[in-house]
Each structure stands twice: as C-alpha cells, then as structure tokens.
Amino acid sequence: MLPRPRLIALVAGAVSATAFAPLDWWLAGLICVAILLRLTHEAPSLRQALLRGWLFGLSHFTVGNNWIQHAFDYQDKMPPALGYLAVVLLSLYLAIYPALAMGLAWRFRQARKPDLPFVLIAAAAWIVTEYLRGVIFTGYPWNPLGMMWLPLPGIAQVAAWIGTYAMSGLAMLGGGTLYLASMRNWRPLAGYAVAALAAALMLHPEAPAPRAGAPLVRVLQPNIGQEATLDGSYAKKAMDALVRLSNDKQTILPGGPVPRLIVWPEGSVDYWIEQGYPAEWYGKADPRTVRQMIALTLGPKDMALIGGNALLFGGDKTLDAATNSVFAIDPMGGIRGRYDKAHLVPYGEYLPMRTLLQPLGLSRLVAGEIDFAPGPGPRTLDVPGFGKVGMQICYEIIFSGQTVDPGNRPAILFNPSNDAWFGAWGPPQHLAQARMRAIEEGLPILRSTPTGISAIIDAHGRIAAAAGMGEAKAIEAPMPAALPPTLFARFGNLLAFLIAGGLLIAAIAIRRVTR
C-alpha cells in the first residue's frame, strides 16, 4: 500500500501535466498514470477511489491550464489575481471526469491483485469520460491524455485511425502495463511494447508532395501583443505590420506571379470590414478604405483570409450581437465569403448567465459589452483560385471530430487564433492540438497568430514551417496537399466508443476465462 495516497495523487496529477507541450515529458505522463491506477486499485472504498481520481485531476488540470491566468492580466474590469482562482475553480469541475473513470475501474477490480481486465476497464472508462468532458456544458477537451503521444510521430499517426479520445485510452493502457509490470506481471507490458514499436516503425509516412503548380500559402505573424489593446494602439499597429508582411516580394514564374493565399490572425483587423451598418458605427475607418488597404497588398491572383468582426443588428437597427469572423478578400477589395465562429468560449466571448453574473462584477475576457453570437458550425469556403478551405477559429480546433463540414470536405483548414494573452504554455499546447486535428482528418492546417506560434502543418501533423513565439515573420510555402479521408474522418468519434466497448468486452472475456 502506498503511504499518503491523497498527497501522492496530487503530486502525480501535477507531474502528469508535463507530458504535454511545452515540456512533452510523455514517459513521466505514463508513469503518473501507472501511479493513479495503483492508487485506485488500492483504494479501500469507492468513495476513496473517486477522491483519489479527483485529486489527481485537480492538480493535473490546474498545472496544465495555468496559462488561463495570463488572460486576466489584460482585463481592466477584473483583477489579475482572479485568474489564479479561475484556474482552480475550472479544475475543481474538470477533475470530476478522471474521478468517474477511476470510480468505474474500482468497481470492476479484483481486490486480491491487479490484473489486465482492471486496466482495460480503466482505459474504456477514461475514453468515455474524456469524450464527455469534450461535450458537456459546451465542452472543454483541452489536452486530452492522448496528446502525450504527439512527440512520438509514428505512434501519433494512429490517431488517423481511431481519434484522440481513443488515443487517450492507449495512454491509459500504457500506464496500466507499467503498473502491472511493477507487480511482476510482465506479459501485458511485452505485448504493449511490441505493438508500440510496430506503430513507431510502420506509421511514419512521408508527407504528400504539393501538386504540380500548387499556389503558395503565406502565413502572417505581426508580433503585436495583447498589451497594445490597452492603450488603443492595436488597430493601427496590427494593420501596419500585417500590410508590411503581406507586401514582401512575390515569387514570379514565367507564367506570371504565383497565386498566394495570404492569411492573417484572429481579430487582427480592428476595423469594420463590412458595409451596411448604421453610420455612427464607422468611427475608425470606412470599410471600403480598410478593404482597399488589404487589396493593395494582393497580386492579381492572390486572395486573403482576414480575421475580424461583424455586427448583427435587429430590425430597429439596435445592435444585438457581434461575430468572430473570417473574411475572404479578393484583389479588388471585394468580400468573397465570411465564416462566423460557432464554438464560442464561455466567459471569453460571452458571459453565461449574464443577468446573474454581471451584477456580481464579472465580465467576459474579450473587451466589449455585447456578447458574440455563434455561427452555424464547421463550414467550408470556396476561395477562388485555391479551392475549398475549411475554417476553425482559435479554440474551435481543439474539438476532435468537430472540425470539418462532413458534407463539404475541404482541401486545407485555416485556424486563425490569438494566443497573445496565454503565457508560455498556452500557445505550444494549442499548436499541438491543431497538429493532432491534422493527423485525424488527413488535412493540412494553416495556423496564424499575432505573437506565435504560427505554422504551416502538413496532413500528417508535422510542421513544415513556423514562426516562433515573439517573432514578426511571414512564412510561405507551396500549398500542402491533403490526404484521402482517414478512417477517423469517415466515422469520427464513433470509433472511440467502439474501442471502449471492445476493451470492456475483452476485460469481461478475460475474467471469465481465468476464473
């Protein structure tokens, strides 16, 4: 029996968060999972098993989500110290899910000795509860356990077949085999090691080559931090920097300039882009002037995808809501399409229960008094000269199985984001999750942020080019090619439930055979 199990659960949970970016200590993560399973198996009651799982989750999520606090540093309506409390309060809730998984595993354990069925059931329960974490109360699937496989490229490619939630089950199986090995049951560890080695050797494909004559993609990172929003200088600084980065030399071939798809970060244009609003809203600049500034950076075959906002007015011309949007701008300054973010951030882009919370002094983190309105869901824009481009703004990219319009599969995904207020841990974790979506869907991703990390990601989740944190840079490359739809792209998270069910059936079968 391990001494002081509650303290050990807290320490193991905190250390397990280092399995994710920016540290990527995946082996530490597996060891911590093994410790969690031992603590669960040794729990004298269901209540103690739930408590140990909850304490593990509390420290795991508190450490992993420490970057949330930094968002409060740029909020003038709430003190920065409130950010620390917000992280802990969020973790108090998120810890319920690992607690439930461990409670289910404990119910099916054999009291005398840990066995493989106990580990299989723990893995199945973790898959299901982690999926629930991603959908209940709008969902928050940040850093599912399966993300720890990303530093191991061969194993990470398994996500194309089964998805991230099922990869979390594989992580639980990995930690479980270490636990069984510590109890001198070596056979599961040997089998798991052979399977992992086979995946690492076999699933390491080359990225598909860009098609002949492929257009260029150009990802802009202006390095304009969130602090610029506090002194009112953001709009001009961001526009000047992005125009400058867009205007760099174009590649010229015998047939003329190579078409470029130029992408700007989320919310980078702090001016209105659309016309048709009441006149009093055009205080900063006329939308036609703004679009002309963008158009002047484009060659005759270029297109730009611009992060900005739109306003929604009621029939009496009163402002009802705003949208977090991407606009497709052509070389004439015309708007060729608009995508509105669908999966909004609670307390970030809208304040839940506003009538109750606003009188208490709480506010959303994004500046402004009007809540954002959600769009209809994943959409694909037909961008002239570049084909079908899927849109996922900022944190939408973390939702496994919810990133692509199933009826209109794109050739590439665009993920504009603003990580400028998320410290040192938020941006690399966000990038890592975008890479996992690329693997799952078999689609390349263009990720543009104000201060980093911006990247061109190929269809196997590998970084083809990047601008690091704190760089003002434009990265340009031929438009990466997509893969045929992966198994996960076809069936989505149904695969996770099938695998969880298979693990449960295997556990029951093994128990019956070994009685």
Protein backbone atom coordinates (compact mmCIF):
# COMPACT_ATOMS: atom_id res chain seq x y z
CA MET A 1 0.00 0.00 0.00
CA LEU A 2 1.30 3.44 -0.90
CA PRO A 3 1.54 5.84 2.06
CA ARG A 4 -0.33 9.17 2.00
CA PRO A 5 -2.33 8.28 -1.12
CA ARG A 6 -4.07 11.67 -1.35
CA LEU A 7 -0.80 13.57 -1.41
CA ILE A 8 0.64 11.15 -3.95
CA ALA A 9 -2.45 11.61 -6.15
CA LEU A 10 -1.98 15.38 -6.09
CA VAL A 11 1.74 15.16 -6.91
CA ALA A 12 1.23 12.56 -9.66
CA GLY A 13 -1.51 14.66 -11.24
CA ALA A 14 0.69 17.75 -11.29
CA VAL A 15 3.64 15.88 -12.80
CA SER A 16 1.40 14.22 -15.40
CA ALA A 17 0.68 17.65 -16.90
CA THR A 18 4.32 17.79 -18.03
CA ALA A 19 3.50 15.10 -20.60
CA PHE A 20 2.02 17.83 -22.80
CA ALA A 21 3.61 20.77 -24.59
CA PRO A 22 5.77 22.68 -23.98
CA LEU A 23 7.68 20.03 -21.99
CA ASP A 24 6.44 16.84 -23.74
CA TRP A 25 7.66 14.52 -20.97
CA TRP A 26 5.45 11.69 -22.21
CA LEU A 27 7.21 8.99 -20.19
CA ALA A 28 6.55 10.96 -16.99
CA GLY A 29 2.91 11.01 -18.01
CA LEU A 30 2.78 7.24 -18.40
CA ILE A 31 4.44 6.71 -15.02
CA CYS A 32 1.93 9.04 -13.37
CA VAL A 33 -0.95 7.11 -14.97
CA ALA A 34 0.55 3.92 -13.52
CA ILE A 35 0.61 5.55 -10.08
CA LEU A 36 -3.01 6.67 -10.46
CA LEU A 37 -4.09 3.14 -11.31
CA ARG A 38 -2.25 1.73 -8.31
CA LEU A 39 -3.85 4.31 -6.03
CA THR A 40 -7.24 3.39 -7.45
CA HIS A 41 -6.77 -0.34 -7.09
CA GLU A 42 -5.55 0.03 -3.52
CA ALA A 43 -8.45 2.30 -2.50
CA PRO A 44 -10.42 0.69 0.37
CA SER A 45 -13.77 2.02 -0.90
CA LEU A 46 -15.47 3.52 -3.92
CA ARG A 47 -15.51 6.88 -2.18
CA GLN A 48 -11.72 6.77 -1.74
CA ALA A 49 -11.22 5.73 -5.37
CA LEU A 50 -13.32 8.67 -6.54
CA LEU A 51 -11.44 11.04 -4.24
CA ARG A 52 -8.03 9.88 -5.46
CA GLY A 53 -9.05 10.24 -9.09
CA TRP A 54 -10.46 13.69 -8.36
CA LEU A 55 -7.31 14.88 -6.57
CA PHE A 56 -5.20 13.61 -9.47
CA GLY A 57 -7.40 15.51 -11.91
CA LEU A 58 -7.42 18.66 -9.77
CA SER A 59 -3.65 19.11 -9.88
CA HIS A 60 -3.38 17.77 -13.43
CA PHE A 61 -5.75 20.40 -14.81
CA THR A 62 -4.51 23.19 -12.55
CA VAL A 63 -0.95 22.83 -13.81
CA GLY A 64 -1.91 22.14 -17.43
CA ASN A 65 -4.25 25.15 -17.61
CA ASN A 66 -2.01 27.63 -15.81
CA TRP A 67 -1.93 29.75 -18.98
CA ILE A 68 -5.57 30.82 -18.42
CA GLN A 69 -4.45 33.14 -15.63
CA HIS A 70 -2.49 35.30 -18.08
CA ALA A 71 -5.72 36.31 -19.85
CA PHE A 72 -6.71 38.22 -16.71
CA ASP A 73 -3.55 40.33 -16.97
CA TYR A 74 -5.18 42.15 -19.91
CA GLN A 75 -8.61 42.65 -18.32
CA ASP A 76 -9.25 46.05 -16.77
CA LYS A 77 -12.57 45.03 -15.20
CA MET A 78 -11.32 42.10 -13.11
CA PRO A 79 -8.08 41.84 -11.08
CA PRO A 80 -5.28 39.59 -12.43
CA ALA A 81 -5.27 37.63 -9.15
CA LEU A 82 -8.75 36.39 -10.05
CA GLY A 83 -7.11 34.41 -12.85
CA TYR A 84 -5.47 32.04 -10.37
CA LEU A 85 -8.81 31.40 -8.72
CA ALA A 86 -10.41 30.85 -12.13
CA VAL A 87 -7.89 28.12 -12.99
CA VAL A 88 -8.52 26.29 -9.72
CA LEU A 89 -12.31 26.64 -9.99
CA LEU A 90 -12.25 25.25 -13.52
CA SER A 91 -10.06 22.36 -12.36
CA LEU A 92 -12.43 21.56 -9.49
CA TYR A 93 -15.01 20.80 -12.16
CA LEU A 94 -12.76 19.11 -14.74
CA ALA A 95 -11.42 16.73 -12.08
CA ILE A 96 -14.84 15.09 -11.92
CA TYR A 97 -14.12 13.22 -15.15
CA PRO A 98 -10.97 11.33 -14.07
CA ALA A 99 -12.73 10.69 -10.75
CA LEU A 100 -15.61 8.99 -12.57
CA ALA A 101 -13.21 6.94 -14.69
CA MET A 102 -11.34 5.70 -11.64
CA GLY A 103 -14.58 5.01 -9.79
CA LEU A 104 -15.75 2.78 -12.65
CA ALA A 105 -12.39 1.00 -12.76
CA TRP A 106 -12.50 0.39 -8.99
CA ARG A 107 -15.96 -1.19 -9.23
CA PHE A 108 -14.60 -3.86 -11.57
CA ARG A 109 -11.27 -4.52 -9.88
CA GLN A 110 -10.21 -7.76 -8.26
CA ALA A 111 -9.38 -7.00 -4.65
CA ARG A 112 -6.58 -9.51 -4.31
CA LYS A 113 -4.35 -8.48 -7.22
CA PRO A 114 -4.35 -6.05 -10.18
CA ASP A 115 -4.96 -7.75 -13.49
CA LEU A 116 -5.26 -6.88 -17.16
CA PRO A 117 -9.08 -6.58 -17.11
CA PHE A 118 -8.78 -3.83 -14.46
CA VAL A 119 -6.51 -1.86 -16.81
CA LEU A 120 -8.76 -2.49 -19.83
CA ILE A 121 -11.82 -1.23 -17.97
CA ALA A 122 -9.89 1.84 -16.73
CA ALA A 123 -8.93 2.62 -20.34
CA ALA A 124 -12.50 2.20 -21.57
CA ALA A 125 -13.85 4.41 -18.78
CA TRP A 126 -11.23 7.08 -19.48
CA ILE A 127 -12.19 7.20 -23.18
CA VAL A 128 -15.87 7.70 -22.37
CA THR A 129 -15.38 10.26 -19.59
CA GLU A 130 -12.87 12.23 -21.63
CA TYR A 131 -15.32 12.39 -24.51
CA LEU A 132 -17.96 13.65 -22.07
CA ARG A 133 -15.54 16.34 -20.90
CA GLY A 134 -15.39 17.48 -24.52
CA VAL A 135 -19.15 17.89 -24.98
CA ILE A 136 -20.89 18.62 -21.65
CA PHE A 137 -21.56 22.33 -20.91
CA THR A 138 -20.28 23.22 -24.42
CA GLY A 139 -17.18 21.08 -23.76
CA TYR A 140 -13.60 21.73 -22.81
CA PRO A 141 -11.39 18.97 -24.28
CA TRP A 142 -8.11 20.81 -23.71
CA ASN A 143 -5.14 18.41 -23.52
CA PRO A 144 -6.82 15.01 -23.64
CA LEU A 145 -4.44 12.35 -22.39
CA GLY A 146 -3.83 11.11 -25.94
CA MET A 147 -1.95 14.31 -26.70
CA MET A 148 1.08 12.87 -24.90
CA TRP A 149 1.77 10.71 -27.97
CA LEU A 150 2.44 13.67 -30.27
CA PRO A 151 6.25 13.73 -29.64
CA LEU A 152 6.32 10.12 -30.95
CA PRO A 153 5.39 10.65 -34.62
CA GLY A 154 4.85 7.01 -35.54
CA ILE A 155 2.51 6.34 -32.64
CA ALA A 156 0.74 9.68 -33.09
CA GLN A 157 -0.32 8.61 -36.61
CA VAL A 158 -2.63 6.02 -35.04
CA ALA A 159 -4.97 8.97 -34.39
CA ALA A 160 -5.83 8.92 -38.11
CA TRP A 161 -7.45 5.54 -37.45
CA ILE A 162 -9.03 5.93 -34.03
CA GLY A 163 -9.00 9.62 -32.98
CA THR A 164 -7.62 11.43 -29.97
CA TYR A 165 -10.05 10.14 -27.33
CA ALA A 166 -9.19 6.56 -28.18
CA MET A 167 -5.51 7.56 -28.11
CA SER A 168 -6.16 8.60 -24.51
CA GLY A 169 -7.28 5.04 -23.88
CA LEU A 170 -3.98 3.83 -25.32
CA ALA A 171 -2.17 6.12 -22.89
CA MET A 172 -4.15 4.61 -20.02
CA LEU A 173 -3.24 1.14 -21.31
CA GLY A 174 0.41 2.18 -21.45
CA GLY A 175 0.39 3.38 -17.87
CA GLY A 176 -1.54 0.27 -16.87
CA THR A 177 1.03 -2.07 -18.34
CA LEU A 178 3.73 -0.25 -16.37
CA TYR A 179 1.65 -0.75 -13.23
CA LEU A 180 1.20 -4.45 -13.93
CA ALA A 181 4.92 -4.78 -14.64
CA SER A 182 5.68 -3.19 -11.26
CA MET A 183 3.61 -6.02 -9.76
CA ARG A 184 5.68 -8.55 -11.73
CA ASN A 185 3.10 -9.18 -14.42
CA TRP A 186 5.29 -8.66 -17.46
CA ARG A 187 3.24 -10.18 -20.28
CA PRO A 188 0.95 -7.16 -20.93
CA LEU A 189 3.98 -4.86 -20.98
CA ALA A 190 5.76 -7.05 -23.51
CA GLY A 191 2.72 -7.11 -25.79
CA TYR A 192 2.18 -3.36 -25.49
CA ALA A 193 5.85 -2.64 -26.21
CA VAL A 194 5.78 -4.78 -29.36
CA ALA A 195 2.63 -3.01 -30.62
CA ALA A 196 4.06 0.44 -29.88
CA LEU A 197 7.34 -0.40 -31.62
CA ALA A 198 5.47 -1.70 -34.67
CA ALA A 199 3.44 1.51 -34.86
CA ALA A 200 6.55 3.64 -34.46
CA LEU A 201 8.30 1.83 -37.32
CA MET A 202 5.39 1.34 -39.72
CA LEU A 203 3.34 4.50 -39.31
CA HIS A 204 5.90 7.10 -40.30
CA PRO A 205 4.76 8.10 -43.81
CA GLU A 206 6.16 10.86 -45.92
CA ALA A 207 4.09 13.99 -46.30
CA PRO A 208 2.24 14.12 -49.64
CA ALA A 209 4.04 16.36 -52.11
CA PRO A 210 2.27 19.56 -53.18
CA ARG A 211 0.62 19.13 -56.55
CA ALA A 212 2.40 20.48 -59.60
CA GLY A 213 1.83 24.19 -59.96
CA ALA A 214 0.39 24.46 -56.45
CA PRO A 215 -0.27 28.01 -55.28
CA LEU A 216 1.57 29.47 -52.33
CA VAL A 217 0.26 29.95 -48.84
CA ARG A 218 1.61 32.83 -46.77
CA VAL A 219 1.01 32.90 -43.02
CA LEU A 220 1.48 36.23 -41.25
CA GLN A 221 2.56 36.80 -37.65
CA PRO A 222 2.88 40.53 -36.83
CA ASN A 223 4.10 40.11 -33.23
CA ILE A 224 1.67 42.69 -31.88
CA GLY A 225 0.98 41.69 -28.27
CA GLN A 226 -2.25 41.94 -26.32
CA GLU A 227 -0.85 44.84 -24.32
CA ALA A 228 -1.37 47.04 -27.40
CA THR A 229 -5.12 46.74 -26.88
CA LEU A 230 -4.83 48.52 -23.54
CA ASP A 231 -3.56 51.82 -24.96
CA GLY A 232 -5.79 51.94 -28.01
CA SER A 233 -2.92 51.47 -30.48
CA TYR A 234 -3.73 47.92 -31.57
CA ALA A 235 -5.77 48.71 -34.69
CA LYS A 236 -3.11 50.79 -36.43
CA LYS A 237 -0.11 48.77 -35.22
CA ALA A 238 -1.64 45.48 -36.36
CA MET A 239 -2.75 46.82 -39.74
CA ASP A 240 0.62 48.44 -40.47
CA ALA A 241 2.53 45.29 -39.51
CA LEU A 242 0.29 42.95 -41.49
CA VAL A 243 0.34 45.15 -44.57
CA ARG A 244 4.13 45.23 -44.38
CA LEU A 245 4.38 41.43 -44.06
CA SER A 246 1.93 40.94 -46.93
CA ASN A 247 3.87 43.25 -49.23
CA ASP A 248 7.10 41.24 -49.29
CA LYS A 249 8.32 40.10 -52.69
CA GLN A 250 6.14 37.69 -54.62
CA THR A 251 7.50 34.63 -56.37
CA ILE A 252 7.49 35.24 -60.14
CA LEU A 253 7.45 32.36 -62.63
CA PRO A 254 7.43 32.53 -66.45
CA GLY A 255 3.63 32.46 -66.45
CA GLY A 256 3.37 35.35 -64.03
CA PRO A 257 3.06 35.69 -60.27
CA VAL A 258 2.27 32.51 -58.35
CA PRO A 259 -1.12 32.86 -56.65
CA ARG A 260 -0.79 33.36 -52.91
CA LEU A 261 -3.34 32.67 -50.21
CA ILE A 262 -2.38 35.18 -47.51
CA VAL A 263 -3.81 34.50 -44.06
CA TRP A 264 -3.99 36.92 -41.13
CA PRO A 265 -4.52 36.10 -37.43
CA GLU A 266 -7.79 36.08 -35.50
CA GLY A 267 -9.24 39.52 -34.84
CA SER A 268 -6.24 41.17 -36.46
CA VAL A 269 -8.31 43.83 -38.23
CA ASP A 270 -9.75 46.06 -35.54
CA TYR A 271 -11.81 47.99 -38.09
CA TRP A 272 -15.17 47.07 -39.59
CA ILE A 273 -14.85 45.23 -42.89
CA GLU A 274 -18.47 45.03 -43.99
CA GLN A 275 -20.69 47.89 -45.04
CA GLY A 276 -24.37 48.35 -44.29
CA TYR A 277 -24.09 49.34 -40.63
CA PRO A 278 -25.65 52.50 -39.18
CA ALA A 279 -23.40 55.47 -39.96
CA GLU A 280 -22.47 56.14 -36.33
CA TRP A 281 -20.55 52.85 -36.20
CA TYR A 282 -17.92 53.92 -38.76
CA GLY A 283 -15.81 55.96 -36.37
CA LYS A 284 -12.39 54.40 -37.01
CA ALA A 285 -12.34 53.96 -40.78
CA ASP A 286 -14.71 53.38 -43.67
CA PRO A 287 -14.91 49.63 -44.51
CA ARG A 288 -14.17 50.30 -48.19
CA THR A 289 -10.94 52.05 -47.22
CA VAL A 290 -9.94 49.14 -44.97
CA ARG A 291 -10.60 46.57 -47.68
CA GLN A 292 -8.68 48.67 -50.19
CA MET A 293 -5.66 48.72 -47.86
CA ILE A 294 -5.79 44.91 -47.80
CA ALA A 295 -6.39 44.64 -51.56
CA LEU A 296 -3.32 46.75 -52.34
CA THR A 297 -1.14 44.03 -50.77
CA LEU A 298 -2.56 41.38 -53.13
CA GLY A 299 -1.37 40.38 -56.54
CA PRO A 300 -3.89 39.82 -59.35
CA LYS A 301 -4.23 36.11 -58.45
CA ASP A 302 -3.98 36.40 -54.68
CA MET A 303 -6.65 36.05 -52.02
CA ALA A 304 -6.58 37.00 -48.34
CA LEU A 305 -8.31 35.40 -45.35
CA ILE A 306 -8.69 38.10 -42.72
CA GLY A 307 -9.68 37.73 -39.09
CA GLY A 308 -12.15 40.40 -37.97
CA ASN A 309 -15.58 41.02 -36.52
CA ALA A 310 -19.06 41.60 -37.89
CA LEU A 311 -22.05 43.26 -36.21
CA LEU A 312 -25.60 41.91 -36.11
CA PHE A 313 -28.41 44.48 -35.88
CA GLY A 314 -32.06 43.96 -35.11
CA GLY A 315 -34.97 45.23 -37.16
CA ASP A 316 -34.94 48.54 -35.31
CA LYS A 317 -31.22 48.95 -36.07
CA THR A 318 -30.19 48.24 -32.48
CA LEU A 319 -27.05 46.20 -32.01
CA ASP A 320 -27.91 42.62 -30.99
CA ALA A 321 -24.54 40.84 -31.11
CA ALA A 322 -21.15 40.58 -32.80
CA THR A 323 -19.44 37.69 -34.54
CA ASN A 324 -15.85 36.49 -34.52
CA SER A 325 -15.30 36.01 -38.22
CA VAL A 326 -13.01 35.30 -41.15
CA PHE A 327 -13.49 37.28 -44.37
CA ALA A 328 -12.24 36.22 -47.78
CA ILE A 329 -10.97 39.36 -49.59
CA ASP A 330 -10.14 39.46 -53.29
CA PRO A 331 -7.65 41.76 -55.13
CA MET A 332 -10.43 44.24 -55.87
CA GLY A 333 -11.31 44.60 -52.20
CA GLY A 334 -14.50 42.55 -52.50
CA ILE A 335 -15.72 40.16 -49.84
CA ARG A 336 -15.95 36.67 -51.34
CA GLY A 337 -17.18 34.88 -48.23
CA ARG A 338 -17.49 35.05 -44.46
CA TYR A 339 -17.25 32.42 -41.72
CA ASP A 340 -18.56 33.05 -38.21
CA LYS A 341 -17.04 31.21 -35.28
CA ALA A 342 -19.51 28.64 -33.98
CA HIS A 343 -17.90 27.24 -30.83
CA LEU A 344 -17.56 30.30 -28.63
CA VAL A 345 -15.52 30.46 -25.42
CA PRO A 346 -17.72 30.80 -22.33
CA TYR A 347 -16.57 33.71 -20.14
CA GLY A 348 -14.27 34.68 -23.01
CA GLU A 349 -16.59 35.63 -25.87
CA TYR A 350 -19.84 35.57 -23.96
CA LEU A 351 -20.83 35.69 -20.31
CA PRO A 352 -23.12 32.81 -19.33
CA MET A 353 -25.99 33.79 -17.04
CA ARG A 354 -25.17 37.44 -17.68
CA THR A 355 -28.13 38.78 -15.69
CA LEU A 356 -26.83 36.93 -12.63
CA LEU A 357 -23.07 37.28 -13.01
CA GLN A 358 -22.71 40.83 -14.35
CA PRO A 359 -24.15 42.44 -11.17
CA LEU A 360 -21.51 40.49 -9.23
CA GLY A 361 -18.76 42.34 -11.12
CA LEU A 362 -17.86 39.54 -13.52
CA SER A 363 -17.19 40.24 -17.18
CA ARG A 364 -16.11 38.32 -20.22
CA LEU A 365 -12.39 38.39 -21.03
CA VAL A 366 -12.73 39.76 -24.57
CA ALA A 367 -13.25 43.52 -24.43
CA GLY A 368 -16.73 44.89 -25.05
CA GLU A 369 -20.21 44.74 -23.57
CA ILE A 370 -22.02 42.90 -26.38
CA ASP A 371 -21.76 39.10 -26.42
CA PHE A 372 -20.64 37.27 -29.53
CA ALA A 373 -23.20 35.20 -31.41
CA PRO A 374 -22.32 31.69 -32.65
CA GLY A 375 -22.20 30.73 -36.30
CA PRO A 376 -23.82 27.58 -37.72
CA GLY A 377 -20.87 25.19 -37.26
CA PRO A 378 -17.90 23.95 -39.33
CA ARG A 379 -18.06 25.43 -42.81
CA THR A 380 -16.01 25.29 -45.99
CA LEU A 381 -15.47 28.40 -48.11
CA ASP A 382 -14.76 28.16 -51.82
CA VAL A 383 -11.82 30.52 -52.22
CA PRO A 384 -11.27 31.44 -55.90
CA GLY A 385 -8.01 30.00 -57.18
CA PHE A 386 -7.38 27.93 -54.04
CA GLY A 387 -10.34 25.60 -53.76
CA LYS A 388 -12.12 24.55 -50.60
CA VAL A 389 -10.80 25.96 -47.33
CA GLY A 390 -12.24 24.83 -44.00
CA MET A 391 -12.48 27.36 -41.16
CA GLN A 392 -11.78 26.83 -37.46
CA ILE A 393 -11.22 29.98 -35.42
CA CYS A 394 -8.95 29.71 -32.39
CA TYR A 395 -10.15 27.21 -29.81
CA GLU A 396 -12.56 25.51 -32.23
CA ILE A 397 -9.58 23.45 -33.39
CA ILE A 398 -9.40 21.54 -30.06
CA PHE A 399 -12.70 19.72 -30.63
CA SER A 400 -11.87 16.32 -32.07
CA GLY A 401 -14.38 15.18 -34.67
CA GLN A 402 -15.99 18.63 -34.95
CA THR A 403 -13.58 20.49 -37.23
CA VAL A 404 -14.73 19.63 -40.76
CA ASP A 405 -18.02 20.12 -42.57
CA PRO A 406 -18.91 16.46 -43.29
CA GLY A 407 -20.88 17.39 -46.39
CA ASN A 408 -18.18 19.57 -47.93
CA ARG A 409 -14.70 18.28 -47.12
CA PRO A 410 -12.05 20.98 -47.64
CA ALA A 411 -8.56 20.62 -49.06
CA ILE A 412 -6.99 22.59 -46.22
CA LEU A 413 -8.00 24.06 -42.84
CA PHE A 414 -7.38 27.63 -41.73
CA ASN A 415 -7.01 28.15 -37.96
CA PRO A 416 -6.54 31.83 -37.11
CA SER A 417 -6.02 32.36 -33.41
CA ASN A 418 -4.99 34.89 -30.80
CA ASP A 419 -2.73 33.29 -28.18
CA ALA A 420 -1.02 36.57 -27.29
CA TRP A 421 -2.52 36.54 -23.81
CA PHE A 422 -1.90 32.90 -22.89
CA GLY A 423 1.61 32.92 -21.45
CA ALA A 424 4.33 30.42 -22.29
CA TRP A 425 2.29 27.21 -22.04
CA GLY A 426 -0.91 28.10 -23.92
CA PRO A 427 0.48 28.65 -27.45
CA PRO A 428 2.51 25.41 -27.75
CA GLN A 429 -0.39 23.40 -26.31
CA HIS A 430 -2.77 25.00 -28.79
CA LEU A 431 -0.42 24.27 -31.68
CA ALA A 432 -0.08 20.66 -30.57
CA GLN A 433 -3.84 20.18 -30.67
CA ALA A 434 -4.02 21.67 -34.16
CA ARG A 435 -1.39 19.15 -35.24
CA MET A 436 -3.50 16.30 -33.85
CA ARG A 437 -6.51 17.53 -35.85
CA ALA A 438 -4.36 17.44 -38.99
CA ILE A 439 -3.48 13.79 -38.28
CA GLU A 440 -7.08 12.82 -37.51
CA GLU A 441 -8.56 14.42 -40.61
CA GLY A 442 -5.65 13.96 -43.04
CA LEU A 443 -5.74 17.68 -43.81
CA PRO A 444 -3.02 20.34 -43.76
CA ILE A 445 -3.61 23.35 -41.49
CA LEU A 446 -2.60 26.99 -41.73
CA ARG A 447 -2.31 28.49 -38.27
CA SER A 448 -1.84 32.24 -37.91
CA THR A 449 -1.49 34.03 -34.55
CA PRO A 450 -0.41 37.58 -33.58
CA THR A 451 2.63 36.60 -31.48
CA GLY A 452 3.12 32.87 -32.06
CA ILE A 453 3.18 30.07 -32.61
CA SER A 454 2.13 30.31 -36.28
CA ALA A 455 2.72 27.33 -38.56
CA ILE A 456 2.09 25.52 -41.79
CA ILE A 457 1.19 21.96 -40.75
CA ASP A 458 1.16 19.08 -43.23
CA ALA A 459 -1.53 16.40 -43.42
CA HIS A 460 0.47 14.12 -41.08
CA GLY A 461 0.61 16.76 -38.38
CA ARG A 462 4.22 17.70 -38.99
CA ILE A 463 5.33 21.32 -39.00
CA ALA A 464 6.51 22.34 -42.47
CA ALA A 465 7.33 25.92 -41.45
CA ALA A 466 6.77 28.01 -38.34
CA ALA A 467 7.18 31.42 -36.77
CA GLY A 468 8.21 31.08 -33.14
CA MET A 469 6.84 32.98 -30.18
CA GLY A 470 7.72 36.66 -30.28
CA GLU A 471 8.74 36.76 -33.95
CA ALA A 472 7.44 39.20 -36.54
CA LYS A 473 7.52 36.97 -39.58
CA ALA A 474 5.78 35.75 -42.71
CA ILE A 475 6.17 32.08 -43.61
CA GLU A 476 5.48 30.98 -47.15
CA ALA A 477 5.41 27.58 -48.84
CA PRO A 478 3.57 25.72 -51.61
CA MET A 479 0.06 24.83 -50.50
CA PRO A 480 0.34 21.42 -48.76
CA ALA A 481 -1.63 18.54 -50.20
CA ALA A 482 -4.43 16.75 -48.39
CA LEU A 483 -4.68 13.00 -47.89
CA PRO A 484 -7.73 10.92 -48.76
CA PRO A 485 -10.25 10.91 -45.92
CA THR A 486 -8.85 8.95 -42.99
CA LEU A 487 -10.80 6.29 -41.13
CA PHE A 488 -11.42 8.83 -38.38
CA ALA A 489 -12.56 11.43 -40.93
CA ARG A 490 -15.18 8.94 -42.13
CA PHE A 491 -16.51 7.70 -38.80
CA GLY A 492 -15.42 10.26 -36.20
CA ASN A 493 -15.78 9.58 -32.50
CA LEU A 494 -17.97 6.55 -33.11
CA LEU A 495 -14.60 4.78 -33.29
CA ALA A 496 -13.77 5.84 -29.74
CA PHE A 497 -16.96 4.26 -28.43
CA LEU A 498 -16.36 1.09 -30.46
CA ILE A 499 -12.88 0.80 -28.99
CA ALA A 500 -14.15 1.49 -25.47
CA GLY A 501 -16.78 -1.21 -25.96
CA GLY A 502 -14.15 -3.60 -27.31
CA LEU A 503 -11.95 -3.02 -24.27
CA LEU A 504 -14.89 -3.72 -21.96
CA ILE A 505 -15.80 -6.93 -23.80
CA ALA A 506 -12.16 -8.06 -23.72
CA ALA A 507 -12.00 -7.42 -19.96
CA ILE A 508 -15.13 -9.47 -19.32
CA ALA A 509 -13.91 -12.29 -21.58
CA ILE A 510 -10.51 -12.49 -19.88
CA ARG A 511 -12.11 -12.54 -16.44
CA ARG A 512 -14.37 -15.43 -17.42
CA VAL A 513 -11.56 -17.44 -18.97
CA THR A 514 -9.25 -17.00 -15.97
CA ARG A 515 -11.82 -17.88 -13.29
